[in-house]
């Protein structure tokens, strides 16, 4: 980045280069900085949308005119750890309920009750197994 151009632009417009705390980030690009008016801030090549979030400290070029957009120059702080890909499901998912957990779609449902009883209901039940399909219980009733 050419700092001489930035310095000249700052002097000519009365803008400031400030360390600011991000208090809000909206999808439309509006960033609210602590101690500054909420304003639309463009991101420089050095600062990507995924890098800037609520609670971050940033280096920002803030024009004197509040109608002019600011520019987030960079995020300040240690590098963020790699995030999981949003489309990637978690390795383990635990869903807990105190009395019953019910999954229902149309006429089908699976109910898991606190007493350990599991009810599977549907117009048709289909079971496929590539290996063994075992039905085991104290007693097994078919029809």
N, C-alpha and C. Protein backbone atom coordinates (compact mmCIF):
# COMPACT_ATOMS: atom_id res chain seq x y z
N UNK A 1 0.86 -1.17 0.00
CA UNK A 1 0.00 0.00 0.00
C UNK A 1 0.90 1.23 0.00
N UNK A 2 0.59 2.21 -0.83
CA UNK A 2 1.37 3.43 -0.91
C UNK A 2 0.95 4.36 0.22
N UNK A 3 1.76 4.46 1.26
CA UNK A 3 1.40 5.25 2.43
C UNK A 3 1.42 6.74 2.16
N UNK A 4 2.20 7.19 1.17
CA UNK A 4 2.22 8.63 0.88
C UNK A 4 0.88 9.08 0.31
N UNK A 5 0.26 8.26 -0.53
CA UNK A 5 -1.07 8.61 -1.04
C UNK A 5 -2.10 8.61 0.08
N UNK A 6 -2.01 7.64 0.98
CA UNK A 6 -2.93 7.56 2.10
C UNK A 6 -2.76 8.77 3.03
N UNK A 7 -1.53 9.17 3.28
CA UNK A 7 -1.26 10.33 4.12
C UNK A 7 -1.80 11.59 3.47
N UNK A 8 -1.60 11.76 2.17
CA UNK A 8 -2.10 12.94 1.46
C UNK A 8 -3.62 12.98 1.48
N UNK A 9 -4.25 11.82 1.25
CA UNK A 9 -5.72 11.76 1.26
C UNK A 9 -6.26 12.06 2.65
N UNK A 10 -5.57 11.60 3.67
CA UNK A 10 -6.00 11.84 5.05
C UNK A 10 -5.92 13.33 5.38
N UNK A 11 -4.83 13.97 5.01
CA UNK A 11 -4.69 15.41 5.28
C UNK A 11 -5.72 16.22 4.50
N UNK A 12 -5.94 15.89 3.24
CA UNK A 12 -6.84 16.66 2.38
C UNK A 12 -8.30 16.55 2.82
N UNK A 13 -8.69 15.43 3.35
CA UNK A 13 -10.11 15.22 3.68
C UNK A 13 -10.41 15.34 5.17
N UNK A 14 -9.39 15.42 6.00
CA UNK A 14 -9.62 15.47 7.44
C UNK A 14 -9.93 14.09 8.01
N UNK A 15 -9.63 13.07 7.24
CA UNK A 15 -9.89 11.71 7.70
C UNK A 15 -8.87 11.31 8.76
N UNK A 16 -9.17 10.22 9.45
CA UNK A 16 -8.27 9.69 10.47
C UNK A 16 -7.98 8.23 10.18
N UNK A 17 -6.82 7.80 10.57
CA UNK A 17 -6.53 6.37 10.61
C UNK A 17 -6.59 6.01 12.08
N UNK A 18 -7.52 5.11 12.42
CA UNK A 18 -7.77 4.82 13.83
C UNK A 18 -7.75 3.32 14.09
N UNK A 19 -7.45 3.00 15.33
CA UNK A 19 -7.66 1.64 15.81
C UNK A 19 -9.07 1.66 16.37
N UNK A 20 -9.92 0.77 15.86
CA UNK A 20 -11.33 0.79 16.26
C UNK A 20 -11.77 -0.61 16.63
N UNK A 21 -12.82 -0.68 17.41
CA UNK A 21 -13.40 -1.94 17.87
C UNK A 21 -14.71 -2.15 17.12
N UNK A 22 -14.85 -3.29 16.46
CA UNK A 22 -16.05 -3.59 15.67
C UNK A 22 -17.16 -4.03 16.62
N UNK A 23 -18.29 -3.31 16.60
CA UNK A 23 -19.42 -3.67 17.45
C UNK A 23 -20.59 -4.26 16.67
N UNK A 24 -20.56 -4.15 15.34
CA UNK A 24 -21.63 -4.74 14.53
C UNK A 24 -21.16 -4.88 13.10
N UNK A 25 -21.51 -6.00 12.48
CA UNK A 25 -21.22 -6.24 11.07
C UNK A 25 -22.50 -6.74 10.44
N UNK A 26 -22.97 -6.04 9.42
CA UNK A 26 -24.19 -6.42 8.73
C UNK A 26 -23.87 -6.98 7.35
N UNK A 27 -24.75 -7.84 6.82
CA UNK A 27 -24.49 -8.42 5.50
C UNK A 27 -24.35 -7.37 4.40
N UNK A 28 -24.97 -6.19 4.58
CA UNK A 28 -24.88 -5.15 3.55
C UNK A 28 -23.55 -4.42 3.57
N UNK A 29 -22.66 -4.78 4.48
CA UNK A 29 -21.35 -4.15 4.53
C UNK A 29 -21.24 -3.03 5.53
N UNK A 30 -22.32 -2.70 6.23
CA UNK A 30 -22.26 -1.67 7.25
C UNK A 30 -21.53 -2.21 8.47
N UNK A 31 -20.52 -1.49 8.88
CA UNK A 31 -19.75 -1.88 10.05
C UNK A 31 -19.87 -0.77 11.07
N UNK A 32 -20.24 -1.12 12.30
CA UNK A 32 -20.30 -0.12 13.37
C UNK A 32 -19.02 -0.25 14.18
N UNK A 33 -18.33 0.86 14.33
CA UNK A 33 -17.10 0.90 15.09
C UNK A 33 -17.35 1.63 16.40
N UNK A 34 -16.82 1.13 17.50
CA UNK A 34 -16.97 1.81 18.79
C UNK A 34 -16.37 3.20 18.68
N UNK A 35 -17.05 4.17 19.27
CA UNK A 35 -16.63 5.58 19.28
C UNK A 35 -16.67 6.24 17.92
N UNK A 36 -17.32 5.63 16.94
CA UNK A 36 -17.50 6.24 15.63
C UNK A 36 -18.93 5.94 15.19
N UNK A 37 -19.44 6.75 14.27
CA UNK A 37 -20.78 6.49 13.77
C UNK A 37 -20.78 5.21 12.94
N UNK A 38 -21.91 4.51 12.98
CA UNK A 38 -22.04 3.32 12.13
C UNK A 38 -21.96 3.79 10.69
N UNK A 39 -21.18 3.12 9.93
CA UNK A 39 -21.01 3.53 8.54
C UNK A 39 -20.64 2.33 7.69
N UNK A 40 -20.85 2.48 6.41
CA UNK A 40 -20.42 1.44 5.48
C UNK A 40 -18.91 1.55 5.37
N UNK A 41 -18.27 0.44 5.55
CA UNK A 41 -16.81 0.40 5.40
C UNK A 41 -16.47 -0.62 4.33
N UNK A 42 -15.70 -0.18 3.36
CA UNK A 42 -15.18 -1.10 2.36
C UNK A 42 -14.01 -1.85 2.98
N UNK A 43 -13.73 -3.00 2.46
CA UNK A 43 -12.61 -3.79 2.96
C UNK A 43 -11.47 -3.72 1.96
N UNK A 44 -10.27 -3.49 2.45
CA UNK A 44 -9.11 -3.49 1.57
C UNK A 44 -8.78 -4.93 1.20
N UNK A 45 -7.85 -5.12 0.29
CA UNK A 45 -7.43 -6.48 -0.08
C UNK A 45 -6.88 -7.23 1.12
N UNK A 46 -6.31 -6.50 2.07
CA UNK A 46 -5.71 -7.14 3.24
C UNK A 46 -6.76 -7.64 4.23
N UNK A 47 -7.95 -7.05 4.21
CA UNK A 47 -9.01 -7.44 5.16
C UNK A 47 -10.16 -8.06 4.39
N UNK A 48 -10.39 -9.35 4.60
CA UNK A 48 -11.49 -10.05 3.94
C UNK A 48 -12.68 -10.08 4.87
N UNK A 49 -13.88 -10.25 4.31
CA UNK A 49 -15.10 -10.30 5.10
C UNK A 49 -15.01 -11.39 6.16
N UNK A 50 -14.43 -12.54 5.81
CA UNK A 50 -14.35 -13.64 6.77
C UNK A 50 -13.39 -13.33 7.91
N UNK A 51 -12.52 -12.33 7.72
CA UNK A 51 -11.54 -11.99 8.75
C UNK A 51 -12.08 -11.02 9.78
N UNK A 52 -13.11 -10.27 9.47
CA UNK A 52 -13.59 -9.20 10.34
C UNK A 52 -14.92 -9.60 10.97
N UNK A 53 -15.00 -9.53 12.29
CA UNK A 53 -16.23 -9.88 12.98
C UNK A 53 -16.43 -9.01 14.20
N UNK A 54 -17.60 -9.14 14.79
CA UNK A 54 -17.93 -8.40 16.01
C UNK A 54 -16.92 -8.74 17.09
N UNK A 55 -16.42 -7.72 17.78
CA UNK A 55 -15.45 -7.92 18.84
C UNK A 55 -14.01 -7.77 18.39
N UNK A 56 -13.80 -7.68 17.07
CA UNK A 56 -12.44 -7.54 16.55
C UNK A 56 -11.97 -6.10 16.66
N UNK A 57 -10.67 -5.93 16.81
CA UNK A 57 -10.04 -4.62 16.67
C UNK A 57 -9.53 -4.54 15.24
N UNK A 58 -9.72 -3.36 14.63
CA UNK A 58 -9.31 -3.17 13.25
C UNK A 58 -8.57 -1.85 13.11
N UNK A 59 -7.81 -1.74 12.06
CA UNK A 59 -7.19 -0.49 11.66
C UNK A 59 -8.08 0.05 10.55
N UNK A 60 -8.65 1.25 10.75
CA UNK A 60 -9.62 1.78 9.79
C UNK A 60 -9.26 3.20 9.39
N UNK A 61 -9.53 3.50 8.13
CA UNK A 61 -9.42 4.86 7.62
C UNK A 61 -10.83 5.42 7.67
N UNK A 62 -11.03 6.45 8.49
CA UNK A 62 -12.37 6.98 8.73
C UNK A 62 -12.42 8.44 8.25
N UNK A 63 -13.16 8.72 7.17
CA UNK A 63 -13.28 10.10 6.68
C UNK A 63 -14.03 10.98 7.68
N UNK A 64 -13.78 12.27 7.62
CA UNK A 64 -14.47 13.21 8.50
C UNK A 64 -15.96 13.26 8.17
N UNK A 65 -16.32 13.14 6.91
CA UNK A 65 -17.72 13.17 6.48
C UNK A 65 -18.35 11.80 6.77
N UNK A 66 -19.36 11.75 7.69
CA UNK A 66 -19.96 10.46 8.04
C UNK A 66 -20.72 9.79 6.89
N UNK A 67 -20.99 10.54 5.81
CA UNK A 67 -21.67 9.95 4.65
C UNK A 67 -20.70 9.23 3.73
N UNK A 68 -19.42 9.48 3.91
CA UNK A 68 -18.40 8.81 3.11
C UNK A 68 -18.08 7.47 3.74
N UNK A 69 -17.90 6.43 2.90
CA UNK A 69 -17.54 5.13 3.48
C UNK A 69 -16.12 5.14 4.02
N UNK A 70 -15.93 4.39 5.08
CA UNK A 70 -14.59 4.18 5.60
C UNK A 70 -13.97 2.98 4.92
N UNK A 71 -12.74 2.68 5.31
CA UNK A 71 -12.06 1.51 4.77
C UNK A 71 -11.42 0.76 5.93
N UNK A 72 -11.78 -0.52 6.05
CA UNK A 72 -11.11 -1.38 7.03
C UNK A 72 -9.82 -1.81 6.36
N UNK A 73 -8.71 -1.38 6.94
CA UNK A 73 -7.41 -1.69 6.34
C UNK A 73 -6.92 -3.07 6.76
N UNK A 74 -7.16 -3.44 8.02
CA UNK A 74 -6.68 -4.74 8.50
C UNK A 74 -7.32 -5.06 9.83
N UNK A 75 -7.38 -6.33 10.13
CA UNK A 75 -7.79 -6.81 11.45
C UNK A 75 -6.55 -6.84 12.31
N UNK A 76 -6.68 -6.43 13.58
CA UNK A 76 -5.54 -6.40 14.49
C UNK A 76 -5.73 -7.53 15.49
N UNK A 77 -4.72 -8.34 15.67
CA UNK A 77 -4.79 -9.41 16.65
C UNK A 77 -4.15 -10.67 16.14
N UNK A 78 -4.12 -11.70 16.99
CA UNK A 78 -3.51 -12.96 16.58
C UNK A 78 -4.32 -13.62 15.46
N UNK A 79 -3.69 -14.46 14.67
CA UNK A 79 -4.43 -15.15 13.61
C UNK A 79 -5.55 -16.00 14.20
N UNK A 80 -6.63 -16.09 13.47
CA UNK A 80 -7.75 -16.93 13.90
C UNK A 80 -7.47 -18.37 13.55
N UNK A 81 -7.95 -19.29 14.42
CA UNK A 81 -7.80 -20.71 14.05
C UNK A 81 -8.67 -21.02 12.84
N UNK A 82 -8.27 -22.04 12.10
CA UNK A 82 -9.04 -22.45 10.93
C UNK A 82 -10.45 -22.84 11.38
N UNK A 83 -11.43 -22.40 10.63
CA UNK A 83 -12.82 -22.74 10.94
C UNK A 83 -13.22 -24.00 10.20
N UNK A 84 -14.19 -24.72 10.79
CA UNK A 84 -14.74 -25.87 10.07
C UNK A 84 -15.52 -25.36 8.87
N UNK A 85 -15.48 -26.11 7.81
CA UNK A 85 -16.27 -25.75 6.65
C UNK A 85 -17.74 -25.80 7.04
N UNK A 86 -18.53 -24.74 6.76
CA UNK A 86 -19.93 -24.73 7.18
C UNK A 86 -20.75 -25.90 6.64
N UNK A 87 -20.38 -26.41 5.46
CA UNK A 87 -21.14 -27.52 4.88
C UNK A 87 -20.74 -28.86 5.48
N UNK A 88 -19.69 -28.88 6.26
CA UNK A 88 -19.21 -30.12 6.83
C UNK A 88 -19.99 -30.44 8.11
N UNK A 89 -20.62 -31.62 8.16
CA UNK A 89 -21.38 -31.95 9.38
C UNK A 89 -20.43 -32.23 10.55
N UNK A 90 -20.91 -32.05 11.76
CA UNK A 90 -20.05 -32.34 12.91
C UNK A 90 -19.75 -33.84 12.99
N UNK A 91 -18.65 -34.19 13.64
CA UNK A 91 -18.27 -35.59 13.78
C UNK A 91 -19.28 -36.33 14.63
N UNK A 92 -19.79 -35.70 15.68
CA UNK A 92 -20.79 -36.30 16.56
C UNK A 92 -21.82 -35.22 16.87
N UNK A 93 -23.09 -35.59 16.83
CA UNK A 93 -24.17 -34.66 17.16
C UNK A 93 -25.01 -35.29 18.25
N UNK A 94 -25.14 -34.61 19.38
CA UNK A 94 -25.93 -35.11 20.49
C UNK A 94 -27.13 -34.19 20.66
N UNK A 95 -28.33 -34.79 20.67
CA UNK A 95 -29.56 -34.05 20.92
C UNK A 95 -30.17 -34.67 22.16
N UNK A 96 -30.43 -33.87 23.17
CA UNK A 96 -30.97 -34.39 24.42
C UNK A 96 -32.31 -33.75 24.75
N UNK A 97 -33.16 -34.53 25.37
CA UNK A 97 -34.45 -34.05 25.87
C UNK A 97 -34.72 -34.75 27.19
N UNK A 98 -35.51 -34.14 28.06
CA UNK A 98 -35.78 -34.75 29.37
C UNK A 98 -36.84 -35.85 29.30
N UNK A 99 -37.89 -35.69 28.50
CA UNK A 99 -38.97 -36.68 28.49
C UNK A 99 -39.06 -37.48 27.20
N UNK A 100 -38.97 -36.79 26.06
CA UNK A 100 -39.09 -37.50 24.78
C UNK A 100 -38.47 -36.68 23.67
N UNK A 101 -37.96 -37.40 22.69
CA UNK A 101 -37.44 -36.78 21.48
C UNK A 101 -38.26 -37.35 20.33
N UNK A 102 -38.86 -36.49 19.54
CA UNK A 102 -39.72 -36.93 18.44
C UNK A 102 -39.21 -36.32 17.14
N UNK A 103 -38.95 -37.18 16.16
CA UNK A 103 -38.65 -36.74 14.81
C UNK A 103 -39.88 -37.08 13.98
N UNK A 104 -40.47 -36.08 13.34
CA UNK A 104 -41.71 -36.32 12.59
C UNK A 104 -41.64 -35.64 11.24
N UNK A 105 -41.98 -36.40 10.20
CA UNK A 105 -42.12 -35.87 8.85
C UNK A 105 -43.37 -36.52 8.27
N UNK A 106 -44.34 -35.70 7.90
CA UNK A 106 -45.59 -36.24 7.34
C UNK A 106 -46.21 -37.27 8.25
N UNK A 107 -46.47 -38.48 7.73
CA UNK A 107 -47.10 -39.55 8.51
C UNK A 107 -46.09 -40.42 9.25
N UNK A 108 -44.80 -40.12 9.12
CA UNK A 108 -43.79 -40.95 9.77
C UNK A 108 -43.19 -40.26 10.99
N UNK A 109 -42.82 -41.06 11.99
CA UNK A 109 -42.19 -40.48 13.17
C UNK A 109 -41.32 -41.51 13.88
N UNK A 110 -40.33 -40.99 14.59
CA UNK A 110 -39.52 -41.80 15.50
C UNK A 110 -39.59 -41.10 16.84
N UNK A 111 -40.03 -41.83 17.87
CA UNK A 111 -40.13 -41.27 19.21
C UNK A 111 -39.21 -42.05 20.14
N UNK A 112 -38.38 -41.32 20.87
CA UNK A 112 -37.53 -41.92 21.88
C UNK A 112 -38.00 -41.36 23.22
N UNK A 113 -38.42 -42.27 24.11
CA UNK A 113 -38.96 -41.83 25.40
C UNK A 113 -37.95 -42.01 26.52
N UNK A 114 -38.17 -41.31 27.62
CA UNK A 114 -37.25 -41.37 28.75
C UNK A 114 -37.17 -42.75 29.38
N UNK A 115 -38.21 -43.57 29.24
CA UNK A 115 -38.19 -44.91 29.82
C UNK A 115 -37.42 -45.91 28.94
N UNK A 116 -36.87 -45.43 27.80
CA UNK A 116 -36.07 -46.29 26.93
C UNK A 116 -36.85 -46.87 25.77
N UNK A 117 -38.15 -46.63 25.70
CA UNK A 117 -38.95 -47.16 24.61
C UNK A 117 -38.76 -46.30 23.36
N UNK A 118 -38.57 -46.97 22.22
CA UNK A 118 -38.41 -46.28 20.95
C UNK A 118 -39.53 -46.74 20.03
N UNK A 119 -40.30 -45.79 19.52
CA UNK A 119 -41.43 -46.10 18.64
C UNK A 119 -41.12 -45.57 17.24
N UNK A 120 -41.26 -46.45 16.25
CA UNK A 120 -41.08 -46.05 14.86
C UNK A 120 -42.40 -46.28 14.16
N UNK A 121 -42.98 -45.22 13.60
CA UNK A 121 -44.28 -45.32 12.93
C UNK A 121 -44.17 -44.80 11.51
N UNK A 122 -44.91 -45.45 10.59
CA UNK A 122 -44.93 -44.99 9.21
C UNK A 122 -45.87 -45.86 8.40
N UNK A 123 -46.21 -45.41 7.22
CA UNK A 123 -47.07 -46.20 6.34
C UNK A 123 -46.37 -47.50 5.96
N UNK A 124 -45.11 -47.41 5.63
CA UNK A 124 -44.29 -48.57 5.31
C UNK A 124 -42.96 -48.39 6.05
N UNK A 125 -42.40 -49.49 6.54
CA UNK A 125 -41.07 -49.48 7.14
C UNK A 125 -40.18 -50.37 6.29
N UNK A 126 -39.05 -49.85 5.88
CA UNK A 126 -38.13 -50.59 5.05
C UNK A 126 -36.79 -50.64 5.76
N UNK A 127 -36.19 -51.82 5.80
CA UNK A 127 -34.89 -52.00 6.43
C UNK A 127 -33.96 -52.63 5.42
N UNK A 128 -32.83 -52.01 5.19
CA UNK A 128 -31.82 -52.54 4.27
C UNK A 128 -30.51 -52.69 5.03
N UNK A 129 -29.82 -53.77 4.77
CA UNK A 129 -28.50 -53.97 5.38
C UNK A 129 -27.59 -54.61 4.34
N UNK A 130 -26.37 -54.13 4.25
CA UNK A 130 -25.42 -54.75 3.34
C UNK A 130 -24.84 -56.00 3.96
N UNK A 131 -24.84 -56.04 5.27
CA UNK A 131 -24.37 -57.24 5.95
C UNK A 131 -25.55 -57.81 6.73
N UNK A 132 -25.40 -58.10 7.99
CA UNK A 132 -26.45 -58.75 8.76
C UNK A 132 -27.51 -57.74 9.23
N UNK A 133 -28.76 -58.12 9.17
CA UNK A 133 -29.87 -57.33 9.70
C UNK A 133 -30.43 -58.14 10.86
N UNK A 134 -30.10 -57.77 12.07
CA UNK A 134 -30.43 -58.57 13.24
C UNK A 134 -31.60 -57.95 13.99
N UNK A 135 -32.56 -58.77 14.39
CA UNK A 135 -33.65 -58.37 15.28
C UNK A 135 -33.44 -59.16 16.55
N UNK A 136 -33.20 -58.46 17.64
CA UNK A 136 -32.87 -59.14 18.89
C UNK A 136 -33.67 -58.49 20.01
N UNK A 137 -34.24 -59.28 20.87
CA UNK A 137 -34.97 -58.74 21.99
C UNK A 137 -35.35 -59.86 22.96
N UNK A 138 -35.82 -59.48 24.15
CA UNK A 138 -36.27 -60.47 25.11
C UNK A 138 -37.35 -61.32 24.49
N UNK A 139 -38.22 -60.70 23.71
CA UNK A 139 -39.24 -61.41 22.93
C UNK A 139 -39.40 -60.64 21.63
N UNK A 140 -39.61 -61.35 20.55
CA UNK A 140 -39.81 -60.69 19.26
C UNK A 140 -41.16 -61.13 18.75
N UNK A 141 -42.03 -60.16 18.47
CA UNK A 141 -43.35 -60.46 17.96
C UNK A 141 -43.45 -59.94 16.52
N UNK A 142 -43.80 -60.80 15.59
CA UNK A 142 -44.01 -60.39 14.21
C UNK A 142 -45.47 -60.67 13.89
N UNK A 143 -46.23 -59.58 13.65
CA UNK A 143 -47.68 -59.64 13.45
C UNK A 143 -48.31 -60.16 14.69
